[in-house]
Amino acid sequence: MEKVINYLTGFFGGLGKIMMAILPVTILWYVLTGGEVWGMDVVTNLTALVNNFATSGFTGLIVLVMLATFFVGKE
C-alpha cells in the first residue's frame, strides 16, 4: 500500500510541476498574441481567481495562504 501511495504522490507531484511550468508560457502567449490557449482565456481566469480571493475577506486570505504554502517550499 505504501508503494501505491508513493507512486501516486510522485505522479501528481510531477503533474503539478508540469502545470506550473506551462502556466507562465500560456500567460506569455496570451500577452504576445492576444489569443486564447487551448480555448481558455488564461489572464481573465487568473484575474477572476485573484478577485475572488480579494472579495472573500479573511476567508480568502486564509485560502490564499494555504495555497501559497502548498506550492512554495517543496523541493
PDB file of N, CA and C in Angstrom:
ATOM      1  N   MET A   1       0.824  -1.195   0.000  1.00  0.00           N
ATOM      2  CA  MET A   1       0.000   0.000   0.000  1.00  0.00           C
ATOM      3  C   MET A   1       0.866   1.257   0.000  1.00  0.00           C
ATOM      4  N   GLU A   2       1.971   1.205   0.703  1.00  0.00           N
ATOM      5  CA  GLU A   2       2.871   2.355   0.760  1.00  0.00           C
ATOM      6  C   GLU A   2       3.466   2.663  -0.610  1.00  0.00           C
ATOM      7  N   LYS A   3       3.749   1.614  -1.399  1.00  0.00           N
ATOM      8  CA  LYS A   3       4.283   1.819  -2.747  1.00  0.00           C
ATOM      9  C   LYS A   3       3.264   2.535  -3.629  1.00  0.00           C
ATOM     10  N   VAL A   4       2.016   2.178  -3.486  1.00  0.00           N
ATOM     11  CA  VAL A   4       0.954   2.804  -4.283  1.00  0.00           C
ATOM     12  C   VAL A   4       0.837   4.280  -3.912  1.00  0.00           C
ATOM     13  N   ILE A   5       0.858   4.584  -2.638  1.00  0.00           N
ATOM     14  CA  ILE A   5       0.758   5.973  -2.191  1.00  0.00           C
ATOM     15  C   ILE A   5       1.961   6.776  -2.680  1.00  0.00           C
ATOM     16  N   ASN A   6       3.160   6.203  -2.584  1.00  0.00           N
ATOM     17  CA  ASN A   6       4.356   6.891  -3.074  1.00  0.00           C
ATOM     18  C   ASN A   6       4.289   7.106  -4.577  1.00  0.00           C
ATOM     19  N   TYR A   7       3.783   6.116  -5.306  1.00  0.00           N
ATOM     20  CA  TYR A   7       3.649   6.238  -6.755  1.00  0.00           C
ATOM     21  C   TYR A   7       2.670   7.356  -7.113  1.00  0.00           C
ATOM     22  N   LEU A   8       1.519   7.378  -6.468  1.00  0.00           N
ATOM     23  CA  LEU A   8       0.517   8.406  -6.754  1.00  0.00           C
ATOM     24  C   LEU A   8       1.007   9.791  -6.351  1.00  0.00           C
ATOM     25  N   THR A   9       1.683   9.879  -5.219  1.00  0.00           N
ATOM     26  CA  THR A   9       2.229  11.156  -4.782  1.00  0.00           C
ATOM     27  C   THR A   9       3.259  11.671  -5.780  1.00  0.00           C
ATOM     28  N   GLY A  10       4.126  10.793  -6.251  1.00  0.00           N
ATOM     29  CA  GLY A  10       5.117  11.175  -7.241  1.00  0.00           C
ATOM     30  C   GLY A  10       4.486  11.584  -8.558  1.00  0.00           C
ATOM     31  N   PHE A  11       3.464  10.843  -8.972  1.00  0.00           N
ATOM     32  CA  PHE A  11       2.773  11.146 -10.225  1.00  0.00           C
ATOM     33  C   PHE A  11       2.113  12.517 -10.177  1.00  0.00           C
ATOM     34  N   PHE A  12       1.320  12.761  -9.128  1.00  0.00           N
ATOM     35  CA  PHE A  12       0.620  14.041  -9.030  1.00  0.00           C
ATOM     36  C   PHE A  12       1.576  15.188  -8.755  1.00  0.00           C
ATOM     37  N   GLY A  13       2.670  14.927  -8.054  1.00  0.00           N
ATOM     38  CA  GLY A  13       3.691  15.952  -7.857  1.00  0.00           C
ATOM     39  C   GLY A  13       4.336  16.346  -9.177  1.00  0.00           C
ATOM     40  N   GLY A  14       4.646  15.354 -10.010  1.00  0.00           N
ATOM     41  CA  GLY A  14       5.208  15.630 -11.329  1.00  0.00           C
ATOM     42  C   GLY A  14       4.223  16.344 -12.229  1.00  0.00           C
ATOM     43  N   LEU A  15       2.972  15.948 -12.163  1.00  0.00           N
ATOM     44  CA  LEU A  15       1.925  16.606 -12.938  1.00  0.00           C
ATOM     45  C   LEU A  15       1.781  18.070 -12.523  1.00  0.00           C
ATOM     46  N   GLY A  16       1.858  18.322 -11.229  1.00  0.00           N
ATOM     47  CA  GLY A  16       1.790  19.698 -10.736  1.00  0.00           C
ATOM     48  C   GLY A  16       2.965  20.526 -11.219  1.00  0.00           C
ATOM     49  N   LYS A  17       4.159  19.933 -11.248  1.00  0.00           N
ATOM     50  CA  LYS A  17       5.336  20.655 -11.739  1.00  0.00           C
ATOM     51  C   LYS A  17       5.193  20.984 -13.217  1.00  0.00           C
ATOM     52  N   ILE A  18       4.641  20.069 -13.987  1.00  0.00           N
ATOM     53  CA  ILE A  18       4.424  20.328 -15.417  1.00  0.00           C
ATOM     54  C   ILE A  18       3.432  21.468 -15.604  1.00  0.00           C
ATOM     55  N   MET A  19       2.345  21.449 -14.854  1.00  0.00           N
ATOM     56  CA  MET A  19       1.337  22.501 -14.988  1.00  0.00           C
ATOM     57  C   MET A  19       1.888  23.860 -14.549  1.00  0.00           C
ATOM     58  N   MET A  20       2.719  23.881 -13.512  1.00  0.00           N
ATOM     59  CA  MET A  20       3.304  25.141 -13.062  1.00  0.00           C
ATOM     60  C   MET A  20       4.356  25.650 -14.046  1.00  0.00           C
ATOM     61  N   ALA A  21       4.911  24.765 -14.872  1.00  0.00           N
ATOM     62  CA  ALA A  21       5.842  25.190 -15.913  1.00  0.00           C
ATOM     63  C   ALA A  21       5.090  25.702 -17.144  1.00  0.00           C
ATOM     64  N   ILE A  22       3.916  25.154 -17.410  1.00  0.00           N
ATOM     65  CA  ILE A  22       3.127  25.559 -18.572  1.00  0.00           C
ATOM     66  C   ILE A  22       2.428  26.897 -18.331  1.00  0.00           C
ATOM     67  N   LEU A  23       2.053  27.191 -17.103  1.00  0.00           N
ATOM     68  CA  LEU A  23       1.306  28.406 -16.795  1.00  0.00           C
ATOM     69  C   LEU A  23       2.006  29.685 -17.256  1.00  0.00           C
ATOM     70  N   PRO A  24       3.289  29.892 -16.947  1.00  0.00           N
ATOM     71  CA  PRO A  24       3.927  31.129 -17.444  1.00  0.00           C
ATOM     72  C   PRO A  24       3.987  31.203 -18.969  1.00  0.00           C
ATOM     73  N   VAL A  25       4.127  30.071 -19.626  1.00  0.00           N
ATOM     74  CA  VAL A  25       4.170  30.058 -21.087  1.00  0.00           C
ATOM     75  C   VAL A  25       2.810  30.472 -21.656  1.00  0.00           C
ATOM     76  N   THR A  26       1.733  30.004 -21.058  1.00  0.00           N
ATOM     77  CA  THR A  26       0.401  30.369 -21.549  1.00  0.00           C
ATOM     78  C   THR A  26       0.124  31.857 -21.321  1.00  0.00           C
ATOM     79  N   ILE A  27       0.588  32.389 -20.183  1.00  0.00           N
ATOM     80  CA  ILE A  27       0.407  33.824 -19.924  1.00  0.00           C
ATOM     81  C   ILE A  27       1.206  34.633 -20.942  1.00  0.00           C
ATOM     82  N   LEU A  28       2.438  34.233 -21.190  1.00  0.00           N
ATOM     83  CA  LEU A  28       3.267  34.931 -22.165  1.00  0.00           C
ATOM     84  C   LEU A  28       2.642  34.855 -23.555  1.00  0.00           C
ATOM     85  N   TRP A  29       2.114  33.698 -23.932  1.00  0.00           N
ATOM     86  CA  TRP A  29       1.456  33.541 -25.229  1.00  0.00           C
ATOM     87  C   TRP A  29       0.281  34.507 -25.358  1.00  0.00           C
ATOM     88  N   TYR A  30      -0.524  34.601 -24.299  1.00  0.00           N
ATOM     89  CA  TYR A  30      -1.679  35.495 -24.331  1.00  0.00           C
ATOM     90  C   TYR A  30      -1.243  36.952 -24.451  1.00  0.00           C
ATOM     91  N   VAL A  31      -0.210  37.328 -23.714  1.00  0.00           N
ATOM     92  CA  VAL A  31       0.255  38.718 -23.750  1.00  0.00           C
ATOM     93  C   VAL A  31       0.819  39.059 -25.127  1.00  0.00           C
ATOM     94  N   LEU A  32       1.568  38.153 -25.724  1.00  0.00           N
ATOM     95  CA  LEU A  32       2.193  38.435 -27.011  1.00  0.00           C
ATOM     96  C   LEU A  32       1.222  38.385 -28.184  1.00  0.00           C
ATOM     97  N   THR A  33       0.281  37.443 -28.149  1.00  0.00           N
ATOM     98  CA  THR A  33      -0.599  37.254 -29.299  1.00  0.00           C
ATOM     99  C   THR A  33      -2.026  37.725 -29.059  1.00  0.00           C
ATOM    100  N   GLY A  34      -2.450  37.785 -27.809  1.00  0.00           N
ATOM    101  CA  GLY A  34      -3.828  38.156 -27.503  1.00  0.00           C
ATOM    102  C   GLY A  34      -4.805  37.023 -27.753  1.00  0.00           C
ATOM    103  N   GLY A  35      -4.278  35.842 -28.099  1.00  0.00           N
ATOM    104  CA  GLY A  35      -5.129  34.704 -28.397  1.00  0.00           C
ATOM    105  C   GLY A  35      -5.299  33.773 -27.219  1.00  0.00           C
ATOM    106  N   GLU A  36      -6.339  32.993 -27.285  1.00  0.00           N
ATOM    107  CA  GLU A  36      -6.605  32.027 -26.231  1.00  0.00           C
ATOM    108  C   GLU A  36      -5.669  30.828 -26.367  1.00  0.00           C
ATOM    109  N   VAL A  37      -5.444  30.169 -25.257  1.00  0.00           N
ATOM    110  CA  VAL A  37      -4.625  28.963 -25.233  1.00  0.00           C
ATOM    111  C   VAL A  37      -5.536  27.802 -24.861  1.00  0.00           C
ATOM    112  N   TRP A  38      -5.627  26.830 -25.744  1.00  0.00           N
ATOM    113  CA  TRP A  38      -6.492  25.662 -25.567  1.00  0.00           C
ATOM    114  C   TRP A  38      -7.933  26.058 -25.266  1.00  0.00           C
ATOM    115  N   GLY A  39      -8.379  27.127 -25.896  1.00  0.00           N
ATOM    116  CA  GLY A  39      -9.759  27.564 -25.724  1.00  0.00           C
ATOM    117  C   GLY A  39     -10.033  28.277 -24.407  1.00  0.00           C
ATOM    118  N   MET A  40      -8.978  28.652 -23.677  1.00  0.00           N
ATOM    119  CA  MET A  40      -9.156  29.328 -22.395  1.00  0.00           C
ATOM    120  C   MET A  40      -8.483  30.687 -22.435  1.00  0.00           C
ATOM    121  N   ASP A  41      -9.115  31.661 -21.826  1.00  0.00           N
ATOM    122  CA  ASP A  41      -8.519  32.977 -21.655  1.00  0.00           C
ATOM    123  C   ASP A  41      -7.816  32.967 -20.299  1.00  0.00           C
ATOM    124  N   VAL A  42      -6.528  32.663 -20.303  1.00  0.00           N
ATOM    125  CA  VAL A  42      -5.773  32.408 -19.085  1.00  0.00           C
ATOM    126  C   VAL A  42      -5.721  33.639 -18.185  1.00  0.00           C
ATOM    127  N   VAL A  43      -5.459  34.803 -18.753  1.00  0.00           N
ATOM    128  CA  VAL A  43      -5.320  36.014 -17.947  1.00  0.00           C
ATOM    129  C   VAL A  43      -6.653  36.381 -17.289  1.00  0.00           C
ATOM    130  N   THR A  44      -7.739  36.254 -18.011  1.00  0.00           N
ATOM    131  CA  THR A  44      -9.057  36.539 -17.433  1.00  0.00           C
ATOM    132  C   THR A  44      -9.375  35.575 -16.296  1.00  0.00           C
ATOM    133  N   ASN A  45      -9.054  34.308 -16.471  1.00  0.00           N
ATOM    134  CA  ASN A  45      -9.298  33.320 -15.414  1.00  0.00           C
ATOM    135  C   ASN A  45      -8.460  33.613 -14.174  1.00  0.00           C
ATOM    136  N   LEU A  46      -7.187  33.981 -14.359  1.00  0.00           N
ATOM    137  CA  LEU A  46      -6.341  34.312 -13.213  1.00  0.00           C
ATOM    138  C   LEU A  46      -6.827  35.583 -12.523  1.00  0.00           C
ATOM    139  N   THR A  47      -7.271  36.553 -13.302  1.00  0.00           N
ATOM    140  CA  THR A  47      -7.808  37.784 -12.719  1.00  0.00           C
ATOM    141  C   THR A  47      -9.056  37.496 -11.900  1.00  0.00           C
ATOM    142  N   ALA A  48      -9.922  36.657 -12.404  1.00  0.00           N
ATOM    143  CA  ALA A  48     -11.133  36.290 -11.668  1.00  0.00           C
ATOM    144  C   ALA A  48     -10.781  35.550 -10.378  1.00  0.00           C
ATOM    145  N   LEU A  49      -9.773  34.691 -10.428  1.00  0.00           N
ATOM    146  CA  LEU A  49      -9.354  33.952  -9.231  1.00  0.00           C
ATOM    147  C   LEU A  49      -8.829  34.903  -8.165  1.00  0.00           C
ATOM    148  N   VAL A  50      -8.000  35.847  -8.560  1.00  0.00           N
ATOM    149  CA  VAL A  50      -7.461  36.823  -7.601  1.00  0.00           C
ATOM    150  C   VAL A  50      -8.584  37.706  -7.052  1.00  0.00           C
ATOM    151  N   ASN A  51      -9.513  38.103  -7.899  1.00  0.00           N
ATOM    152  CA  ASN A  51     -10.650  38.913  -7.428  1.00  0.00           C
ATOM    153  C   ASN A  51     -11.506  38.144  -6.438  1.00  0.00           C
ATOM    154  N   ASN A  52     -11.677  36.837  -6.655  1.00  0.00           N
ATOM    155  CA  ASN A  52     -12.439  36.020  -5.701  1.00  0.00           C
ATOM    156  C   ASN A  52     -11.748  35.976  -4.345  1.00  0.00           C
ATOM    157  N   PHE A  53     -10.424  35.870  -4.339  1.00  0.00           N
ATOM    158  CA  PHE A  53      -9.700  35.898  -3.069  1.00  0.00           C
ATOM    159  C   PHE A  53      -9.860  37.256  -2.395  1.00  0.00           C
ATOM    160  N   ALA A  54      -9.802  38.320  -3.189  1.00  0.00           N
ATOM    161  CA  ALA A  54      -9.871  39.676  -2.634  1.00  0.00           C
ATOM    162  C   ALA A  54     -11.245  39.987  -2.052  1.00  0.00           C
ATOM    163  N   THR A  55     -12.303  39.508  -2.685  1.00  0.00           N
ATOM    164  CA  THR A  55     -13.655  39.827  -2.204  1.00  0.00           C
ATOM    165  C   THR A  55     -14.121  38.896  -1.096  1.00  0.00           C
ATOM    166  N   SER A  56     -13.362  37.849  -0.813  1.00  0.00           N
ATOM    167  CA  SER A  56     -13.762  36.898   0.221  1.00  0.00           C
ATOM    168  C   SER A  56     -13.327  37.326   1.615  1.00  0.00           C
ATOM    169  N   GLY A  57     -12.564  38.399   1.709  1.00  0.00           N
ATOM    170  CA  GLY A  57     -12.155  38.904   3.013  1.00  0.00           C
ATOM    171  C   GLY A  57     -11.167  37.976   3.693  1.00  0.00           C
ATOM    172  N   PHE A  58     -11.400  37.746   4.978  1.00  0.00           N
ATOM    173  CA  PHE A  58     -10.482  36.942   5.784  1.00  0.00           C
ATOM    174  C   PHE A  58     -10.428  35.504   5.295  1.00  0.00           C
ATOM    175  N   THR A  59     -11.550  34.957   4.879  1.00  0.00           N
ATOM    176  CA  THR A  59     -11.570  33.585   4.365  1.00  0.00           C
ATOM    177  C   THR A  59     -10.719  33.458   3.114  1.00  0.00           C
ATOM    178  N   GLY A  60     -10.802  34.433   2.228  1.00  0.00           N
ATOM    179  CA  GLY A  60      -9.975  34.423   1.025  1.00  0.00           C
ATOM    180  C   GLY A  60      -8.503  34.499   1.358  1.00  0.00           C
ATOM    181  N   LEU A  61      -8.156  35.285   2.381  1.00  0.00           N
ATOM    182  CA  LEU A  61      -6.766  35.385   2.811  1.00  0.00           C
ATOM    183  C   LEU A  61      -6.256  34.055   3.346  1.00  0.00           C
ATOM    184  N   ILE A  62      -7.050  33.385   4.142  1.00  0.00           N
ATOM    185  CA  ILE A  62      -6.655  32.085   4.697  1.00  0.00           C
ATOM    186  C   ILE A  62      -6.459  31.068   3.578  1.00  0.00           C
ATOM    187  N   VAL A  63      -7.375  31.023   2.621  1.00  0.00           N
ATOM    188  CA  VAL A  63      -7.260  30.087   1.499  1.00  0.00           C
ATOM    189  C   VAL A  63      -6.033  30.410   0.658  1.00  0.00           C
ATOM    190  N   LEU A  64      -5.777  31.689   0.430  1.00  0.00           N
ATOM    191  CA  LEU A  64      -4.606  32.097  -0.337  1.00  0.00           C
ATOM    192  C   LEU A  64      -3.314  31.685   0.359  1.00  0.00           C
ATOM    193  N   VAL A  65      -3.240  31.853   1.664  1.00  0.00           N
ATOM    194  CA  VAL A  65      -2.056  31.432   2.418  1.00  0.00           C
ATOM    195  C   VAL A  65      -1.890  29.917   2.347  1.00  0.00           C
ATOM    196  N   MET A  66      -2.987  29.187   2.443  1.00  0.00           N
ATOM    197  CA  MET A  66      -2.915  27.722   2.354  1.00  0.00           C
ATOM    198  C   MET A  66      -2.409  27.292   0.978  1.00  0.00           C
ATOM    199  N   LEU A  67      -2.902  27.919  -0.069  1.00  0.00           N
ATOM    200  CA  LEU A  67      -2.436  27.592  -1.413  1.00  0.00           C
ATOM    201  C   LEU A  67      -0.976  27.953  -1.606  1.00  0.00           C
ATOM    202  N   ALA A  68      -0.567  29.087  -1.075  1.00  0.00           N
ATOM    203  CA  ALA A  68       0.830  29.515  -1.211  1.00  0.00           C
ATOM    204  C   ALA A  68       1.761  28.541  -0.507  1.00  0.00           C
ATOM    205  N   THR A  69       1.391  28.071   0.670  1.00  0.00           N
ATOM    206  CA  THR A  69       2.245  27.121   1.371  1.00  0.00           C
ATOM    207  C   THR A  69       2.267  25.771   0.671  1.00  0.00           C
ATOM    208  N   PHE A  70       1.235  25.468  -0.075  1.00  0.00           N
ATOM    209  CA  PHE A  70       1.218  24.209  -0.820  1.00  0.00           C
ATOM    210  C   PHE A  70       2.228  24.236  -1.973  1.00  0.00           C
ATOM    211  N   PHE A  71       2.371  25.390  -2.625  1.00  0.00           N
ATOM    212  CA  PHE A  71       3.237  25.485  -3.801  1.00  0.00           C
ATOM    213  C   PHE A  71       4.649  25.961  -3.483  1.00  0.00           C
ATOM    214  N   VAL A  72       4.842  26.643  -2.367  1.00  0.00           N
ATOM    215  CA  VAL A  72       6.152  27.198  -2.039  1.00  0.00           C
ATOM    216  C   VAL A  72       6.829  26.315  -1.001  1.00  0.00           C
ATOM    217  N   GLY A  73       8.109  26.120  -1.157  1.00  0.00           N
ATOM    218  CA  GLY A  73       8.875  25.400  -0.148  1.00  0.00           C
ATOM    219  C   GLY A  73       8.981  23.905  -0.367  1.00  0.00           C
ATOM    220  N   LYS A  74       8.413  23.392  -1.421  1.00  0.00           N
ATOM    221  CA  LYS A  74       8.542  21.965  -1.704  1.00  0.00           C
ATOM    222  C   LYS A  74       9.704  21.759  -2.665  1.00  0.00           C
ATOM    223  N   GLU A  75      10.601  20.888  -2.290  1.00  0.00           N
ATOM    224  CA  GLU A  75      11.750  20.621  -3.151  1.00  0.00           C
ATOM    225  C   GLU A  75      11.843  19.151  -3.451  1.00  0.00           C
TER     226      GLU A  75
END
